[in-house]
Amino acid sequence: MDVLFTWSVLAIWVLYEARVKGIRHGWIALALGVVPGVATGFAVYLLLRLNQEA
């Protein structure tokens, strides 16, 4: 149950920042959050975000 909730929070965050900050390719992090796990998706999203904000 908490895995689904955590993935949902990650999805809401990714979608929000895609609209507000224009972060692209967040769907990759969401897909990785489903298969290997939410921690992997979160780490990938932070790396994507870091590269795009610089």
N, C-alpha and C. Protein backbone atom coordinates (compact mmCIF):
# COMPACT_ATOMS: atom_id res chain seq x y z
N MET A 1 0.83 -1.19 0.00
CA MET A 1 0.00 0.00 0.00
C MET A 1 0.87 1.25 0.00
N ASP A 2 1.92 1.27 0.81
CA ASP A 2 2.75 2.47 0.87
C ASP A 2 3.57 2.65 -0.40
N VAL A 3 3.85 1.58 -1.14
CA VAL A 3 4.56 1.70 -2.42
C VAL A 3 3.68 2.44 -3.42
N LEU A 4 2.40 2.11 -3.46
CA LEU A 4 1.48 2.79 -4.36
C LEU A 4 1.33 4.26 -3.98
N PHE A 5 1.23 4.53 -2.70
CA PHE A 5 1.11 5.92 -2.24
C PHE A 5 2.37 6.71 -2.58
N THR A 6 3.53 6.12 -2.36
CA THR A 6 4.78 6.80 -2.64
C THR A 6 4.93 7.07 -4.13
N TRP A 7 4.58 6.09 -4.96
CA TRP A 7 4.64 6.30 -6.41
C TRP A 7 3.67 7.39 -6.84
N SER A 8 2.50 7.44 -6.22
CA SER A 8 1.51 8.47 -6.54
C SER A 8 2.04 9.87 -6.21
N VAL A 9 2.70 10.00 -5.08
CA VAL A 9 3.28 11.29 -4.71
C VAL A 9 4.37 11.68 -5.71
N LEU A 10 5.20 10.72 -6.11
CA LEU A 10 6.23 10.99 -7.12
C LEU A 10 5.58 11.43 -8.43
N ALA A 11 4.52 10.77 -8.84
CA ALA A 11 3.84 11.11 -10.09
C ALA A 11 3.25 12.51 -10.03
N ILE A 12 2.64 12.86 -8.92
CA ILE A 12 2.08 14.21 -8.78
C ILE A 12 3.18 15.25 -8.83
N TRP A 13 4.30 14.99 -8.18
CA TRP A 13 5.43 15.92 -8.17
C TRP A 13 6.01 16.09 -9.58
N VAL A 14 6.19 14.98 -10.29
CA VAL A 14 6.74 15.03 -11.65
C VAL A 14 5.81 15.81 -12.58
N LEU A 15 4.53 15.53 -12.52
CA LEU A 15 3.56 16.23 -13.36
C LEU A 15 3.48 17.71 -13.02
N TYR A 16 3.53 18.04 -11.75
CA TYR A 16 3.49 19.44 -11.32
C TYR A 16 4.70 20.20 -11.86
N GLU A 17 5.89 19.65 -11.68
CA GLU A 17 7.09 20.34 -12.13
C GLU A 17 7.20 20.37 -13.64
N ALA A 18 6.60 19.41 -14.33
CA ALA A 18 6.59 19.45 -15.79
C ALA A 18 5.80 20.66 -16.28
N ARG A 19 4.73 20.98 -15.59
CA ARG A 19 3.91 22.13 -15.99
C ARG A 19 4.47 23.45 -15.50
N VAL A 20 4.94 23.49 -14.28
CA VAL A 20 5.38 24.75 -13.69
C VAL A 20 6.81 25.11 -14.12
N LYS A 21 7.72 24.16 -14.03
CA LYS A 21 9.13 24.44 -14.31
C LYS A 21 9.58 23.96 -15.68
N GLY A 22 8.75 23.21 -16.39
CA GLY A 22 9.10 22.74 -17.71
C GLY A 22 10.11 21.60 -17.72
N ILE A 23 10.14 20.82 -16.66
CA ILE A 23 11.04 19.67 -16.60
C ILE A 23 10.53 18.61 -17.58
N ARG A 24 11.40 18.18 -18.50
CA ARG A 24 11.00 17.21 -19.51
C ARG A 24 11.47 15.80 -19.15
N HIS A 25 10.86 14.83 -19.77
CA HIS A 25 11.22 13.41 -19.66
C HIS A 25 10.99 12.83 -18.27
N GLY A 26 10.07 13.39 -17.53
CA GLY A 26 9.75 12.84 -16.22
C GLY A 26 9.07 11.48 -16.30
N TRP A 27 8.49 11.18 -17.46
CA TRP A 27 7.82 9.89 -17.64
C TRP A 27 8.81 8.74 -17.50
N ILE A 28 10.08 9.00 -17.80
CA ILE A 28 11.09 7.95 -17.65
C ILE A 28 11.22 7.57 -16.17
N ALA A 29 11.23 8.58 -15.32
CA ALA A 29 11.33 8.32 -13.88
C ALA A 29 10.09 7.59 -13.38
N LEU A 30 8.93 7.94 -13.91
CA LEU A 30 7.70 7.26 -13.48
C LEU A 30 7.69 5.81 -13.93
N ALA A 31 8.17 5.54 -15.14
CA ALA A 31 8.24 4.15 -15.61
C ALA A 31 9.23 3.34 -14.78
N LEU A 32 10.37 3.95 -14.45
CA LEU A 32 11.34 3.25 -13.61
C LEU A 32 10.81 3.07 -12.19
N GLY A 33 9.95 3.94 -11.77
CA GLY A 33 9.34 3.81 -10.45
C GLY A 33 8.41 2.62 -10.36
N VAL A 34 7.89 2.19 -11.49
CA VAL A 34 6.98 1.04 -11.50
C VAL A 34 7.77 -0.27 -11.51
N VAL A 35 8.77 -0.37 -12.38
CA VAL A 35 9.47 -1.65 -12.57
C VAL A 35 10.53 -1.90 -11.50
N PRO A 36 11.67 -1.16 -11.46
CA PRO A 36 12.67 -1.46 -10.42
C PRO A 36 12.25 -1.00 -9.03
N GLY A 37 11.57 0.14 -8.95
CA GLY A 37 11.12 0.62 -7.66
C GLY A 37 11.07 2.13 -7.59
N VAL A 38 10.35 2.62 -6.62
CA VAL A 38 10.14 4.06 -6.47
C VAL A 38 11.46 4.78 -6.17
N ALA A 39 12.34 4.17 -5.41
CA ALA A 39 13.62 4.81 -5.08
C ALA A 39 14.44 5.04 -6.34
N THR A 40 14.41 4.10 -7.27
CA THR A 40 15.13 4.26 -8.53
C THR A 40 14.52 5.38 -9.36
N GLY A 41 13.22 5.40 -9.46
CA GLY A 41 12.54 6.47 -10.20
C GLY A 41 12.80 7.83 -9.60
N PHE A 42 12.82 7.91 -8.28
CA PHE A 42 13.09 9.18 -7.60
C PHE A 42 14.50 9.66 -7.89
N ALA A 43 15.46 8.76 -7.83
CA ALA A 43 16.85 9.13 -8.11
C ALA A 43 17.02 9.60 -9.55
N VAL A 44 16.41 8.90 -10.48
CA VAL A 44 16.51 9.30 -11.89
C VAL A 44 15.85 10.65 -12.10
N TYR A 45 14.72 10.89 -11.47
CA TYR A 45 14.05 12.18 -11.62
C TYR A 45 14.91 13.31 -11.07
N LEU A 46 15.55 13.09 -9.94
CA LEU A 46 16.42 14.14 -9.40
C LEU A 46 17.58 14.44 -10.33
N LEU A 47 18.13 13.41 -10.97
CA LEU A 47 19.22 13.63 -11.94
C LEU A 47 18.72 14.38 -13.16
N LEU A 48 17.55 14.01 -13.68
CA LEU A 48 16.97 14.73 -14.81
C LEU A 48 16.73 16.19 -14.47
N ARG A 49 16.19 16.41 -13.30
CA ARG A 49 15.87 17.76 -12.84
C ARG A 49 17.14 18.60 -12.67
N LEU A 50 18.16 18.00 -12.11
CA LEU A 50 19.43 18.70 -11.90
C LEU A 50 20.04 19.12 -13.23
N ASN A 51 20.02 18.23 -14.21
CA ASN A 51 20.60 18.54 -15.52
C ASN A 51 19.82 19.61 -16.27
N GLN A 52 18.52 19.69 -16.07
CA GLN A 52 17.70 20.64 -16.79
C GLN A 52 17.65 22.01 -16.12
N GLU A 53 17.88 22.07 -14.84
CA GLU A 53 17.86 23.35 -14.14
C GLU A 53 19.18 24.10 -14.25
N ALA A 54 20.24 23.40 -14.58
CA ALA A 54 21.56 24.04 -14.64
C ALA A 54 21.72 24.93 -15.83
